[in-house]
Amino acid sequence: MNVEMERKIDEYIAGHHYRQINSVLLCKDNEILAGCYYNGFHENSKNAIMSVAKSIMSVCAGIALDKGVIQSLDEPVYKYIHEFSKGLEPFHRMITIRHLLTMTSGIYWNGGVHYHCPMMQQLRQSGDWISHIADCAVVDIPGTRYNYKEWDVILLAKLLDVVCGDMYDFINDNLFEPLEIEAKRWYKSPCGIYYSVGNGEDTDNESQFKLKATDMMKIGQLFLNGGTYGEQQIISENYIKQAVTPLKCNPGYGFLWWIWEGQYGCRGYGGQSITVIPNKNAVIVTQATPTDRGMGYFDVVDYCREILI
């Protein structure tokens, strides 16, 4: 550990009165240089990761593709989800796995404010999540317009559950166990859909999916190292390159991974982040307790990048 680097991070957090930040990790050349913990958190504490789990689902899709469980990202969704083969919407049969990974299915979505989303409340009350989504209008030709939405991720979870036998078991067997990550099973809705951010808006709810900061670091390092962990190839470098290639309709997004100039990563509501910086061979992780303000603490990530040796 670099004591001076940790001191600088501590001073930055204190100086900005960021009382909700729980963990900040900075890794370079596969070595953790700084591990800063607050609010009683420590290296074995777990924090709700929120939508960082979407990026983990992308990793799952990539491994499924590598193993031939999915033949192509351009396979139509209706092949696996029969509700999309009924002709309820003319564009349903055009939606592919790639469109789900890139949030470009074209299905109507209005996200509301943060996680206080009326459309999600209606979904939870429906009793059949997939049929509910299939009843929503398709307002854009699939693949033409990016719109960040839960619908595409829920459909991807259903699809991966179908092709993998059980999505969480597949993730655990092919990602978590090889990376030596211990994680409890994700929340599953009463209608049988895995939903990684739990059964409601309460981020302290036990149904929330949680990981240690060091677990999140391993996922960032996996991408930084071309899909390898130790001597094992977990996911192909080819998929990683596709996942962090900017979309034509949104240069800031790939396959459920966010992209910035010279860096890419995962983001979750309220300050959960993994940032990969290839030209510095570095990964930065932040965890925080979400509040209604929806703080992202991107300046903390920027500061950590600046003080990298």
C-alpha atoms as a PDB file:
ATOM      1  CA  MET A   1       0.000   0.000   0.000  1.00  0.00           C
ATOM      2  CA  ASN A   2       1.052   3.572  -0.689  1.00  0.00           C
ATOM      3  CA  VAL A   3       0.466   5.451   2.570  1.00  0.00           C
ATOM      4  CA  GLU A   4       0.931   8.878   0.985  1.00  0.00           C
ATOM      5  CA  MET A   5      -1.617   8.101  -1.737  1.00  0.00           C
ATOM      6  CA  GLU A   6      -4.133   6.915   0.855  1.00  0.00           C
ATOM      7  CA  ARG A   7      -3.557  10.100   2.875  1.00  0.00           C
ATOM      8  CA  LYS A   8      -4.311  12.227  -0.199  1.00  0.00           C
ATOM      9  CA  ILE A   9      -7.526  10.325  -0.896  1.00  0.00           C
ATOM     10  CA  ASP A  10      -8.594  10.623   2.763  1.00  0.00           C
ATOM     11  CA  GLU A  11      -7.986  14.375   2.679  1.00  0.00           C
ATOM     12  CA  TYR A  12      -9.930  14.747  -0.576  1.00  0.00           C
ATOM     13  CA  ILE A  13     -12.931  12.810   0.770  1.00  0.00           C
ATOM     14  CA  ALA A  14     -12.903  14.778   4.047  1.00  0.00           C
ATOM     15  CA  GLY A  15     -12.402  18.109   2.279  1.00  0.00           C
ATOM     16  CA  HIS A  16     -15.457  17.553   0.113  1.00  0.00           C
ATOM     17  CA  HIS A  17     -17.574  16.255   3.014  1.00  0.00           C
ATOM     18  CA  TYR A  18     -18.403  13.034   1.166  1.00  0.00           C
ATOM     19  CA  ARG A  19     -19.893  11.278   4.170  1.00  0.00           C
ATOM     20  CA  GLN A  20     -21.629   8.543   2.156  1.00  0.00           C
ATOM     21  CA  ILE A  21     -18.499   7.123   0.503  1.00  0.00           C
ATOM     22  CA  ASN A  22     -17.604   3.747   1.986  1.00  0.00           C
ATOM     23  CA  SER A  23     -14.683   2.473  -0.108  1.00  0.00           C
ATOM     24  CA  VAL A  24     -12.098   3.759  -2.570  1.00  0.00           C
ATOM     25  CA  LEU A  25      -9.581   1.385  -4.135  1.00  0.00           C
ATOM     26  CA  LEU A  26      -6.823   2.238  -6.553  1.00  0.00           C
ATOM     27  CA  CYS A  27      -4.917  -0.507  -8.393  1.00  0.00           C
ATOM     28  CA  LYS A  28      -2.024  -0.212 -10.830  1.00  0.00           C
ATOM     29  CA  ASP A  29      -0.091  -3.028 -12.519  1.00  0.00           C
ATOM     30  CA  ASN A  30      -2.330  -5.547 -10.709  1.00  0.00           C
ATOM     31  CA  GLU A  31      -1.259  -4.192  -7.320  1.00  0.00           C
ATOM     32  CA  ILE A  32      -3.577  -2.316  -4.937  1.00  0.00           C
ATOM     33  CA  LEU A  33      -1.805   0.950  -4.155  1.00  0.00           C
ATOM     34  CA  ALA A  34      -4.545   2.465  -2.001  1.00  0.00           C
ATOM     35  CA  GLY A  35      -7.417   0.938  -0.059  1.00  0.00           C
ATOM     36  CA  CYS A  36      -9.438   3.566   1.803  1.00  0.00           C
ATOM     37  CA  TYR A  37     -12.493   2.630   3.881  1.00  0.00           C
ATOM     38  CA  TYR A  38     -14.972   4.807   5.765  1.00  0.00           C
ATOM     39  CA  ASN A  39     -18.138   4.568   7.880  1.00  0.00           C
ATOM     40  CA  GLY A  40     -17.034   1.354   9.543  1.00  0.00           C
ATOM     41  CA  PHE A  41     -16.421  -0.398   6.222  1.00  0.00           C
ATOM     42  CA  HIS A  42     -13.335  -2.569   5.767  1.00  0.00           C
ATOM     43  CA  GLU A  43     -11.877  -4.883   3.130  1.00  0.00           C
ATOM     44  CA  ASN A  44     -14.408  -7.630   3.916  1.00  0.00           C
ATOM     45  CA  SER A  45     -17.473  -5.352   3.925  1.00  0.00           C
ATOM     46  CA  LYS A  46     -20.007  -5.683   1.135  1.00  0.00           C
ATOM     47  CA  ASN A  47     -21.860  -2.802  -0.490  1.00  0.00           C
ATOM     48  CA  ALA A  48     -24.904  -2.855  -2.802  1.00  0.00           C
ATOM     49  CA  ILE A  49     -23.487  -2.485  -6.309  1.00  0.00           C
ATOM     50  CA  MET A  50     -26.733  -1.427  -8.021  1.00  0.00           C
ATOM     51  CA  SER A  51     -26.368  -1.215 -11.823  1.00  0.00           C
ATOM     52  CA  VAL A  52     -22.771  -2.389 -11.819  1.00  0.00           C
ATOM     53  CA  ALA A  53     -24.577  -5.733 -11.978  1.00  0.00           C
ATOM     54  CA  LYS A  54     -25.702  -4.846 -15.512  1.00  0.00           C
ATOM     55  CA  SER A  55     -22.071  -4.891 -16.611  1.00  0.00           C
ATOM     56  CA  ILE A  56     -21.638  -8.268 -14.901  1.00  0.00           C
ATOM     57  CA  MET A  57     -24.575  -9.555 -16.977  1.00  0.00           C
ATOM     58  CA  SER A  58     -22.674  -8.401 -20.054  1.00  0.00           C
ATOM     59  CA  VAL A  59     -19.732 -10.518 -18.906  1.00  0.00           C
ATOM     60  CA  CYS A  60     -22.149 -13.441 -18.521  1.00  0.00           C
ATOM     61  CA  ALA A  61     -23.380 -12.937 -22.092  1.00  0.00           C
ATOM     62  CA  GLY A  62     -19.791 -12.853 -23.336  1.00  0.00           C
ATOM     63  CA  ILE A  63     -18.873 -16.094 -21.585  1.00  0.00           C
ATOM     64  CA  ALA A  64     -22.060 -17.718 -22.926  1.00  0.00           C
ATOM     65  CA  LEU A  65     -21.049 -16.599 -26.421  1.00  0.00           C
ATOM     66  CA  ASP A  66     -17.507 -17.917 -25.959  1.00  0.00           C
ATOM     67  CA  LYS A  67     -18.853 -21.294 -24.844  1.00  0.00           C
ATOM     68  CA  GLY A  68     -21.319 -21.542 -27.728  1.00  0.00           C
ATOM     69  CA  VAL A  69     -24.337 -21.371 -25.423  1.00  0.00           C
ATOM     70  CA  ILE A  70     -25.292 -18.315 -27.513  1.00  0.00           C
ATOM     71  CA  GLN A  71     -24.474 -18.775 -31.199  1.00  0.00           C
ATOM     72  CA  SER A  72     -24.437 -15.085 -32.098  1.00  0.00           C
ATOM     73  CA  LEU A  73     -25.247 -11.724 -30.542  1.00  0.00           C
ATOM     74  CA  ASP A  74     -27.438 -11.129 -33.562  1.00  0.00           C
ATOM     75  CA  GLU A  75     -29.769 -13.987 -32.711  1.00  0.00           C
ATOM     76  CA  PRO A  76     -33.370 -12.739 -32.327  1.00  0.00           C
ATOM     77  CA  VAL A  77     -34.753 -12.506 -28.821  1.00  0.00           C
ATOM     78  CA  TYR A  78     -38.021 -14.214 -29.830  1.00  0.00           C
ATOM     79  CA  LYS A  79     -36.061 -17.433 -30.375  1.00  0.00           C
ATOM     80  CA  TYR A  80     -35.725 -17.692 -26.580  1.00  0.00           C
ATOM     81  CA  ILE A  81     -38.573 -15.539 -25.247  1.00  0.00           C
ATOM     82  CA  HIS A  82     -41.830 -16.740 -26.784  1.00  0.00           C
ATOM     83  CA  GLU A  83     -43.779 -13.626 -25.780  1.00  0.00           C
ATOM     84  CA  PHE A  84     -41.831 -11.803 -28.510  1.00  0.00           C
ATOM     85  CA  SER A  85     -42.856 -14.260 -31.227  1.00  0.00           C
ATOM     86  CA  LYS A  86     -46.597 -13.535 -31.011  1.00  0.00           C
ATOM     87  CA  GLY A  87     -46.645 -10.519 -33.304  1.00  0.00           C
ATOM     88  CA  LEU A  88     -47.866  -8.114 -30.613  1.00  0.00           C
ATOM     89  CA  GLU A  89     -45.541  -5.487 -32.081  1.00  0.00           C
ATOM     90  CA  PRO A  90     -44.194  -5.549 -35.665  1.00  0.00           C
ATOM     91  CA  PHE A  91     -40.632  -4.850 -34.462  1.00  0.00           C
ATOM     92  CA  HIS A  92     -40.526  -7.616 -31.823  1.00  0.00           C
ATOM     93  CA  ARG A  93     -38.985 -10.133 -34.198  1.00  0.00           C
ATOM     94  CA  MET A  94     -36.221  -7.655 -35.075  1.00  0.00           C
ATOM     95  CA  ILE A  95     -34.923  -7.301 -31.503  1.00  0.00           C
ATOM     96  CA  THR A  96     -31.648  -9.187 -30.979  1.00  0.00           C
ATOM     97  CA  ILE A  97     -29.368 -10.027 -28.071  1.00  0.00           C
ATOM     98  CA  ARG A  98     -27.064  -7.236 -29.244  1.00  0.00           C
ATOM     99  CA  HIS A  99     -29.907  -4.746 -28.913  1.00  0.00           C
ATOM    100  CA  LEU A 100     -30.474  -5.782 -25.294  1.00  0.00           C
ATOM    101  CA  LEU A 101     -26.757  -5.437 -24.523  1.00  0.00           C
ATOM    102  CA  THR A 102     -26.669  -1.949 -26.044  1.00  0.00           C
ATOM    103  CA  MET A 103     -29.999  -0.633 -24.694  1.00  0.00           C
ATOM    104  CA  THR A 104     -31.299  -0.197 -28.247  1.00  0.00           C
ATOM    105  CA  SER A 105     -34.344  -2.503 -28.291  1.00  0.00           C
ATOM    106  CA  GLY A 106     -36.601   0.433 -29.122  1.00  0.00           C
ATOM    107  CA  ILE A 107     -39.167  -0.513 -26.463  1.00  0.00           C
ATOM    108  CA  TYR A 108     -40.778   2.514 -24.816  1.00  0.00           C
ATOM    109  CA  TRP A 109     -39.292   3.564 -21.486  1.00  0.00           C
ATOM    110  CA  ASN A 110     -39.604   6.550 -19.154  1.00  0.00           C
ATOM    111  CA  GLY A 111     -37.197   6.160 -16.274  1.00  0.00           C
ATOM    112  CA  GLY A 112     -38.655   8.664 -13.843  1.00  0.00           C
ATOM    113  CA  VAL A 113     -36.325  10.098 -11.203  1.00  0.00           C
ATOM    114  CA  HIS A 114     -33.515   7.788 -10.061  1.00  0.00           C
ATOM    115  CA  TYR A 115     -35.071   4.467  -8.975  1.00  0.00           C
ATOM    116  CA  HIS A 116     -38.440   6.048  -8.163  1.00  0.00           C
ATOM    117  CA  CYS A 117     -39.857   4.865 -11.451  1.00  0.00           C
ATOM    118  CA  PRO A 118     -43.604   4.452 -12.044  1.00  0.00           C
ATOM    119  CA  MET A 119     -42.952   2.052 -14.921  1.00  0.00           C
ATOM    120  CA  MET A 120     -41.033  -0.281 -12.618  1.00  0.00           C
ATOM    121  CA  GLN A 121     -43.799  -0.076 -10.029  1.00  0.00           C
ATOM    122  CA  GLN A 122     -46.332  -1.079 -12.677  1.00  0.00           C
ATOM    123  CA  LEU A 123     -44.075  -3.947 -13.732  1.00  0.00           C
ATOM    124  CA  ARG A 124     -43.816  -5.277 -10.177  1.00  0.00           C
ATOM    125  CA  GLN A 125     -47.596  -5.161  -9.827  1.00  0.00           C
ATOM    126  CA  SER A 126     -48.173  -6.984 -13.108  1.00  0.00           C
ATOM    127  CA  GLY A 127     -47.367 -10.506 -11.894  1.00  0.00           C
ATOM    128  CA  ASP A 128     -45.770 -11.411 -15.248  1.00  0.00           C
ATOM    129  CA  TRP A 129     -42.814  -9.189 -16.030  1.00  0.00           C
ATOM    130  CA  ILE A 130     -42.037 -10.483 -19.518  1.00  0.00           C
ATOM    131  CA  SER A 131     -45.633 -10.289 -20.743  1.00  0.00           C
ATOM    132  CA  HIS A 132     -45.863  -6.786 -19.297  1.00  0.00           C
ATOM    133  CA  ILE A 133     -42.772  -5.666 -21.258  1.00  0.00           C
ATOM    134  CA  ALA A 134     -44.045  -7.405 -24.400  1.00  0.00           C
ATOM    135  CA  ASP A 135     -47.210  -5.277 -24.131  1.00  0.00           C
ATOM    136  CA  CYS A 136     -45.186  -2.054 -24.205  1.00  0.00           C
ATOM    137  CA  ALA A 137     -44.987  -0.201 -27.501  1.00  0.00           C
ATOM    138  CA  VAL A 138     -41.828  -0.371 -29.604  1.00  0.00           C
ATOM    139  CA  VAL A 139     -41.289   3.285 -30.481  1.00  0.00           C
ATOM    140  CA  ASP A 140     -37.937   3.064 -32.309  1.00  0.00           C
ATOM    141  CA  ILE A 141     -36.602   0.649 -34.898  1.00  0.00           C
ATOM    142  CA  PRO A 142     -34.382  -1.748 -32.894  1.00  0.00           C
ATOM    143  CA  GLY A 143     -30.724  -0.789 -33.057  1.00  0.00           C
ATOM    144  CA  THR A 144     -31.262   2.849 -34.053  1.00  0.00           C
ATOM    145  CA  ARG A 145     -31.657   4.680 -30.747  1.00  0.00           C
ATOM    146  CA  TYR A 146     -30.034   4.251 -27.336  1.00  0.00           C
ATOM    147  CA  ASN A 147     -32.270   4.607 -24.281  1.00  0.00           C
ATOM    148  CA  TYR A 148     -30.962   3.474 -20.891  1.00  0.00           C
ATOM    149  CA  LYS A 149     -33.721   1.291 -19.451  1.00  0.00           C
ATOM    150  CA  GLU A 150     -34.447  -1.616 -17.176  1.00  0.00           C
ATOM    151  CA  TRP A 151     -36.593  -3.385 -19.792  1.00  0.00           C
ATOM    152  CA  ASP A 152     -33.623  -4.501 -21.895  1.00  0.00           C
ATOM    153  CA  VAL A 153     -31.713  -5.823 -18.895  1.00  0.00           C
ATOM    154  CA  ILE A 154     -34.729  -7.734 -17.574  1.00  0.00           C
ATOM    155  CA  LEU A 155     -35.213  -9.315 -21.003  1.00  0.00           C
ATOM    156  CA  LEU A 156     -31.512 -10.187 -21.120  1.00  0.00           C
ATOM    157  CA  ALA A 157     -31.781 -11.802 -17.679  1.00  0.00           C
ATOM    158  CA  LYS A 158     -34.694 -13.908 -18.896  1.00  0.00           C
ATOM    159  CA  LEU A 159     -32.858 -14.886 -22.064  1.00  0.00           C
ATOM    160  CA  LEU A 160     -29.680 -15.831 -20.190  1.00  0.00           C
ATOM    161  CA  ASP A 161     -31.741 -17.861 -17.733  1.00  0.00           C
ATOM    162  CA  VAL A 162     -33.206 -19.805 -20.663  1.00  0.00           C
ATOM    163  CA  VAL A 163     -29.941 -20.452 -22.523  1.00  0.00           C
ATOM    164  CA  CYS A 164     -27.729 -21.031 -19.462  1.00  0.00           C
ATOM    165  CA  GLY A 165     -30.146 -23.176 -17.448  1.00  0.00           C
ATOM    166  CA  ASP A 166     -29.922 -20.706 -14.565  1.00  0.00           C
ATOM    167  CA  MET A 167     -28.316 -17.330 -15.102  1.00  0.00           C
ATOM    168  CA  TYR A 168     -26.971 -16.884 -11.578  1.00  0.00           C
ATOM    169  CA  ASP A 169     -25.535 -20.406 -11.410  1.00  0.00           C
ATOM    170  CA  PHE A 170     -23.816 -19.758 -14.739  1.00  0.00           C
ATOM    171  CA  ILE A 171     -22.341 -16.467 -13.488  1.00  0.00           C
ATOM    172  CA  ASN A 172     -21.254 -18.070 -10.232  1.00  0.00           C
ATOM    173  CA  ASP A 173     -19.660 -21.105 -11.907  1.00  0.00           C
ATOM    174  CA  ASN A 174     -17.951 -19.257 -14.754  1.00  0.00           C
ATOM    175  CA  LEU A 175     -17.116 -15.863 -13.258  1.00  0.00           C
ATOM    176  CA  PHE A 176     -17.410 -15.568  -9.496  1.00  0.00           C
ATOM    177  CA  GLU A 177     -15.803 -18.868  -8.497  1.00  0.00           C
ATOM    178  CA  PRO A 178     -12.843 -18.502 -10.915  1.00  0.00           C
ATOM    179  CA  LEU A 179     -12.301 -14.951  -9.586  1.00  0.00           C
ATOM    180  CA  GLU A 180     -12.633 -16.217  -5.989  1.00  0.00           C
ATOM    181  CA  ILE A 181     -15.655 -13.997  -5.373  1.00  0.00           C
ATOM    182  CA  GLU A 182     -18.174 -15.138  -2.776  1.00  0.00           C
ATOM    183  CA  ALA A 183     -21.605 -13.757  -3.559  1.00  0.00           C
ATOM    184  CA  LYS A 184     -25.110 -14.692  -2.570  1.00  0.00           C
ATOM    185  CA  ARG A 185     -27.729 -15.472  -5.190  1.00  0.00           C
ATOM    186  CA  TRP A 186     -29.408 -12.505  -6.877  1.00  0.00           C
ATOM    187  CA  TYR A 187     -32.998 -11.610  -6.101  1.00  0.00           C
ATOM    188  CA  LYS A 188     -35.531 -13.461  -8.254  1.00  0.00           C
ATOM    189  CA  SER A 189     -38.985 -11.995  -8.810  1.00  0.00           C
ATOM    190  CA  PRO A 190     -42.123 -13.984  -7.946  1.00  0.00           C
ATOM    191  CA  CYS A 191     -42.519 -14.625 -11.685  1.00  0.00           C
ATOM    192  CA  GLY A 192     -38.998 -16.049 -11.894  1.00  0.00           C
ATOM    193  CA  ILE A 193     -36.875 -13.202 -13.278  1.00  0.00           C
ATOM    194  CA  TYR A 194     -33.430 -12.465 -11.831  1.00  0.00           C
ATOM    195  CA  TYR A 195     -33.212  -8.774 -11.026  1.00  0.00           C
ATOM    196  CA  SER A 196     -29.860  -7.650  -9.715  1.00  0.00           C
ATOM    197  CA  VAL A 197     -30.931  -4.488  -7.876  1.00  0.00           C
ATOM    198  CA  GLY A 198     -33.429  -6.285  -5.671  1.00  0.00           C
ATOM    199  CA  ASN A 199     -37.141  -6.138  -5.079  1.00  0.00           C
ATOM    200  CA  GLY A 200     -37.608  -2.446  -4.446  1.00  0.00           C
ATOM    201  CA  GLU A 201     -36.034   0.963  -4.044  1.00  0.00           C
ATOM    202  CA  ASP A 202     -34.498   0.450  -0.574  1.00  0.00           C
ATOM    203  CA  THR A 203     -30.750   0.135  -1.129  1.00  0.00           C
ATOM    204  CA  ASP A 204     -30.276  -1.367   2.345  1.00  0.00           C
ATOM    205  CA  ASN A 205     -32.719  -4.180   1.579  1.00  0.00           C
ATOM    206  CA  GLU A 206     -31.226  -7.639   2.005  1.00  0.00           C
ATOM    207  CA  SER A 207     -32.388  -8.524  -1.505  1.00  0.00           C
ATOM    208  CA  GLN A 208     -29.829  -6.081  -2.917  1.00  0.00           C
ATOM    209  CA  PHE A 209     -26.845  -7.688  -4.639  1.00  0.00           C
ATOM    210  CA  LYS A 210     -23.660  -6.799  -2.776  1.00  0.00           C
ATOM    211  CA  LEU A 211     -19.936  -7.239  -3.374  1.00  0.00           C
ATOM    212  CA  LYS A 212     -16.719  -6.267  -1.641  1.00  0.00           C
ATOM    213  CA  ALA A 213     -14.706  -3.451  -3.200  1.00  0.00           C
ATOM    214  CA  THR A 214     -11.942  -5.963  -3.920  1.00  0.00           C
ATOM    215  CA  ASP A 215     -14.468  -8.141  -5.783  1.00  0.00           C
ATOM    216  CA  MET A 216     -15.346  -5.202  -8.005  1.00  0.00           C
ATOM    217  CA  MET A 217     -11.640  -4.582  -8.498  1.00  0.00           C
ATOM    218  CA  LYS A 218     -11.208  -8.135  -9.825  1.00  0.00           C
ATOM    219  CA  ILE A 219     -13.877  -7.563 -12.464  1.00  0.00           C
ATOM    220  CA  GLY A 220     -12.117  -4.394 -13.617  1.00  0.00           C
ATOM    221  CA  GLN A 221      -8.768  -6.181 -13.691  1.00  0.00           C
ATOM    222  CA  LEU A 222     -10.323  -9.024 -15.686  1.00  0.00           C
ATOM    223  CA  PHE A 223     -11.154  -6.591 -18.487  1.00  0.00           C
ATOM    224  CA  LEU A 224      -7.850  -4.736 -18.151  1.00  0.00           C
ATOM    225  CA  ASN A 225      -5.958  -8.033 -18.485  1.00  0.00           C
ATOM    226  CA  GLY A 226      -7.754  -9.141 -21.640  1.00  0.00           C
ATOM    227  CA  GLY A 227     -10.107 -11.566 -19.925  1.00  0.00           C
ATOM    228  CA  THR A 228      -7.513 -13.512 -17.950  1.00  0.00           C
ATOM    229  CA  TYR A 229      -7.272 -14.126 -14.220  1.00  0.00           C
ATOM    230  CA  GLY A 230      -4.052 -15.791 -13.172  1.00  0.00           C
ATOM    231  CA  GLU A 231      -3.441 -18.446 -15.820  1.00  0.00           C
ATOM    232  CA  GLN A 232      -7.128 -18.843 -16.713  1.00  0.00           C
ATOM    233  CA  GLN A 233      -8.924 -17.215 -19.654  1.00  0.00           C
ATOM    234  CA  ILE A 234     -12.326 -16.359 -18.181  1.00  0.00           C
ATOM    235  CA  ILE A 235     -13.744 -14.405 -21.128  1.00  0.00           C
ATOM    236  CA  SER A 236     -12.367 -13.811 -24.604  1.00  0.00           C
ATOM    237  CA  GLU A 237     -10.430 -10.663 -25.376  1.00  0.00           C
ATOM    238  CA  ASN A 238     -12.506 -10.372 -28.556  1.00  0.00           C
ATOM    239  CA  TYR A 239     -15.721  -9.969 -26.564  1.00  0.00           C
ATOM    240  CA  ILE A 240     -14.099  -7.436 -24.237  1.00  0.00           C
ATOM    241  CA  LYS A 241     -13.039  -5.323 -27.226  1.00  0.00           C
ATOM    242  CA  GLN A 242     -16.606  -5.381 -28.548  1.00  0.00           C
ATOM    243  CA  ALA A 243     -18.053  -4.595 -25.124  1.00  0.00           C
ATOM    244  CA  VAL A 244     -15.993  -1.403 -24.760  1.00  0.00           C
ATOM    245  CA  THR A 245     -16.344  -0.207 -28.355  1.00  0.00           C
ATOM    246  CA  PRO A 246     -18.548   2.931 -28.559  1.00  0.00           C
ATOM    247  CA  LEU A 247     -21.954   2.615 -30.189  1.00  0.00           C
ATOM    248  CA  LYS A 248     -22.678   4.669 -33.283  1.00  0.00           C
ATOM    249  CA  CYS A 249     -25.856   5.967 -31.630  1.00  0.00           C
ATOM    250  CA  ASN A 250     -24.115   6.627 -28.288  1.00  0.00           C
ATOM    251  CA  PRO A 251     -20.305   6.975 -28.139  1.00  0.00           C
ATOM    252  CA  GLY A 252     -20.469   6.758 -24.336  1.00  0.00           C
ATOM    253  CA  TYR A 253     -21.796   3.205 -24.187  1.00  0.00           C
ATOM    254  CA  GLY A 254     -20.908  -0.328 -25.280  1.00  0.00           C
ATOM    255  CA  PHE A 255     -22.286  -3.683 -24.133  1.00  0.00           C
ATOM    256  CA  LEU A 256     -23.674  -2.509 -20.757  1.00  0.00           C
ATOM    257  CA  TRP A 257     -20.292  -0.855 -20.092  1.00  0.00           C
ATOM    258  CA  TRP A 258     -19.794   2.914 -20.030  1.00  0.00           C
ATOM    259  CA  ILE A 259     -17.046   4.476 -22.137  1.00  0.00           C
ATOM    260  CA  TRP A 260     -15.096   7.735 -21.729  1.00  0.00           C
ATOM    261  CA  GLU A 261     -12.059   9.093 -23.501  1.00  0.00           C
ATOM    262  CA  GLY A 262      -9.200   6.739 -22.636  1.00  0.00           C
ATOM    263  CA  GLN A 263     -11.197   4.758 -20.061  1.00  0.00           C
ATOM    264  CA  TYR A 264     -14.273   2.610 -19.576  1.00  0.00           C
ATOM    265  CA  GLY A 265     -16.140   0.969 -16.729  1.00  0.00           C
ATOM    266  CA  CYS A 266     -19.276   0.177 -14.746  1.00  0.00           C
ATOM    267  CA  ARG A 267     -21.587   2.561 -12.940  1.00  0.00           C
ATOM    268  CA  GLY A 268     -24.241   1.982 -10.297  1.00  0.00           C
ATOM    269  CA  TYR A 269     -26.645   4.425  -8.703  1.00  0.00           C
ATOM    270  CA  GLY A 270     -25.328   6.397  -5.756  1.00  0.00           C
ATOM    271  CA  GLY A 271     -21.581   6.098  -6.296  1.00  0.00           C
ATOM    272  CA  GLN A 272     -20.821   2.478  -7.194  1.00  0.00           C
ATOM    273  CA  SER A 273     -18.142   2.376  -9.891  1.00  0.00           C
ATOM    274  CA  ILE A 274     -15.379   0.426 -11.573  1.00  0.00           C
ATOM    275  CA  THR A 275     -13.138   2.500 -13.836  1.00  0.00           C
ATOM    276  CA  VAL A 276     -10.551   0.880 -16.102  1.00  0.00           C
ATOM    277  CA  ILE A 277      -7.725   3.086 -17.423  1.00  0.00           C
ATOM    278  CA  PRO A 278      -5.748   1.028 -19.973  1.00  0.00           C
ATOM    279  CA  ASN A 279      -2.997   3.558 -20.682  1.00  0.00           C
ATOM    280  CA  LYS A 280      -2.112   3.614 -16.981  1.00  0.00           C
ATOM    281  CA  ASN A 281      -2.770  -0.101 -16.471  1.00  0.00           C
ATOM    282  CA  ALA A 282      -4.999   0.940 -13.593  1.00  0.00           C
ATOM    283  CA  VAL A 283      -8.416   0.264 -12.072  1.00  0.00           C
ATOM    284  CA  ILE A 284     -10.297   2.507  -9.628  1.00  0.00           C
ATOM    285  CA  VAL A 285     -13.265   1.357  -7.524  1.00  0.00           C
ATOM    286  CA  THR A 286     -15.688   3.423  -5.465  1.00  0.00           C
ATOM    287  CA  GLN A 287     -18.570   2.319  -3.243  1.00  0.00           C
ATOM    288  CA  ALA A 288     -21.048   4.494  -1.366  1.00  0.00           C
ATOM    289  CA  THR A 289     -24.409   4.495   0.379  1.00  0.00           C
ATOM    290  CA  PRO A 290     -26.911   5.868  -2.160  1.00  0.00           C
ATOM    291  CA  THR A 291     -29.053   8.865  -1.266  1.00  0.00           C
ATOM    292  CA  ASP A 292     -31.896  10.669  -3.052  1.00  0.00           C
ATOM    293  CA  ARG A 293     -29.338  13.083  -4.496  1.00  0.00           C
ATOM    294  CA  GLY A 294     -27.955  10.291  -6.669  1.00  0.00           C
ATOM    295  CA  MET A 295     -24.321  11.326  -6.205  1.00  0.00           C
ATOM    296  CA  GLY A 296     -21.881   9.692  -8.604  1.00  0.00           C
ATOM    297  CA  TYR A 297     -18.572  10.924  -7.086  1.00  0.00           C
ATOM    298  CA  PHE A 298     -16.955  11.009 -10.514  1.00  0.00           C
ATOM    299  CA  ASP A 299     -14.615  13.713  -9.242  1.00  0.00           C
ATOM    300  CA  VAL A 300     -13.187  11.191  -6.756  1.00  0.00           C
ATOM    301  CA  VAL A 301     -12.356   8.874  -9.659  1.00  0.00           C
ATOM    302  CA  ASP A 302     -10.780  11.799 -11.552  1.00  0.00           C
ATOM    303  CA  TYR A 303      -8.704  12.734  -8.516  1.00  0.00           C
ATOM    304  CA  CYS A 304      -7.465   9.178  -8.053  1.00  0.00           C
ATOM    305  CA  ARG A 305      -6.448   9.074 -11.690  1.00  0.00           C
ATOM    306  CA  GLU A 306      -4.506  12.316 -11.261  1.00  0.00           C
ATOM    307  CA  ILE A 307      -2.468  11.035  -8.300  1.00  0.00           C
ATOM    308  CA  LEU A 308      -1.571   7.743  -9.935  1.00  0.00           C
ATOM    309  CA  ILE A 309       2.178   7.216  -9.878  1.00  0.00           C
END
